[in-house]
Every structure is written in structure tokens, then in C-alpha cells.
Amino acid sequence: MRFRLVNLAVASIALTSAALAYGEPPRHPRPAQQRASAPKPPKAYQQAMVGWHAPVGKSAPVDSTGRPMLVLRSINRNDKVELVAATDAGGFSARDLDRAAYALRAMGGDEHPIEPRTLNIIYRIQTHFQAAEIRIVSGYRVPKANSHSNHGKGRAIDFIVPGTPDADVAKFAREVGFVGVGIYPTSQFVHVDVRPRSYFWIDSSGPGKRNRERGILADLAIASDKRAVDRGERGIAPFVVATDVDLALKARGPIPPPPIDDDDEDGD
């Protein structure tokens, strides 16, 4: 027994020395009960999300040209709108943008114009995965004091693509360029927004809980934006509040990618 204890002590010293040699602190695993883990959402929520992720046994409706329509269905209200896209990349009329804003309204009923590019990206996601509809978890949210959330700017949507794993949806969305893409494995949805510079993250927080955001794939975000520029695309202008209409319209035009915007301090 004494011989075994001595051997264990020597092995421990050797491992510690090796770790230090590689510039890493020795690791001492914590007991399982001390390891931080994301709290699981209520069982009823988990069951509901399983249902909302379930595939739909039909295709999206098509318009008079045969092009799939964008279908948005709110999982909280069961509202549904069907929107006609002008091209395979999206493009929606002012009337349909208004209908989308209504479908994406806040829980209290407040509405906000939806940024057209956000809707275009959601449409591309729906058609890429040949989904019958996009199920909306959250669209517009009334901004809180000092909030930088893109939900309060009509630039973000939390959603589910029925029949498709969230990881696959996030992987495709990250290739678009000039987007924020967050995956929420505990709450079981994907977040997509538009912004001047791409940022990707994972957040293990449960529904209604404090964010547990961790940035990921920074190199991919840079490369994705570069590929978008090579395709002739440009990032969206930073969100500003102004009273000069002409200046505001000019600001919304094509611009080169600006420095990182303060939205990056807050994933959603």
C-alpha cells in the first residue's frame, strides 16, 4: 500500500510538472456536484419545444410564380402570416413588411418595423431547409433602459425551423455575413440578427434566465463578412435615432463594414 501511495504521489508531481512545462496550470477536477451546469427548463417547456421542433408533413405554400412564400407562425399566439418574396433571396412589399411587424409584435402588443434584411435572411433559411414555416419564439421586444438588444430595433428574431436541428440552422446562418447568430441549447432555439459586423455565440441559459453567453468562432465571423463583401454585399448601418429623414435614409444605404458596434457587448 505504501509503495502504491508513493507511486501516486510521483505521478501527480510528474503531471503537474508537465502541465507547467506547457504553460498550463495543473488541473484538479472538482467533484461532480460542484461543477457548474445550466439549469434545465421546466418539463412542460421541454415537451412544448419537442413539439415545435417536430417536422411538418407538407411544403410551404407557393405564390403565383411557384416560388415558396415565407410563413411566420408565432408559437405564443399561433398567429400566422404568409408573405410573397420578390426574388429567391427575399424582398417583401411594404404591406407584407407591416404584416410581418404585426406577427413579430412584442408580448404586450407593441409593434416595431422589421428590418427588411432580417426578414430576407429568415426567408433564405426557410427555403434552404425546405421548411413549411418558421416558428417564432420572439421578435420585437420593448427595449429596457440602456439596452443594446437588436430585438428592440426590429433587427432580431428567435426562431425554430421545424424538422431541422438548431445546430444545422445556426451553421447555415453563420455563412450569410454581417449577422449575429446565437444558439440556445437549453432554451432550444436559434437567434439571428443583422449588424455591421458578424458575431456568433452560444448561450446555455434557460428561458427567462440571465444570459450565459460565450462568444465562439471569431475567425469564421471575420471570414464570413469578407466573403459577403466579395459577393458585393455590405453590412447594415449602426442603429441610430435621428430626426433628419434625409440623413437617416442616406445612412441606410450601402456602406463598407464599420468598426465593431456596441451591440457586441450583448449577444441578442
Foldseek 3Di string as FASTA:
>chain_A
DVVVVVVVVVVVVVQQVVCVVVVHGDDDDDPPVPDDDADFDDPVLVVVLVVQQAADPDFADADPVRHGWAWEAEPVPRDIDTFHAPDQQGHGDPVVQVVVQQRQAEPVRDGDGADRNLVSLSSNLCVVVRGRYKYFHHAADCDDPPDPDCSPVNFKTKIHRHPDAQVVSQVVSLLQAQWFWEAAVRCRTIMIGGHLFYWYWYFPHHPPDDTPIDTDDPVSRVVSNVVCVVVVAGGAAPDDDDDPPVVVVVNRDGDHRDPDDPCVVPRD
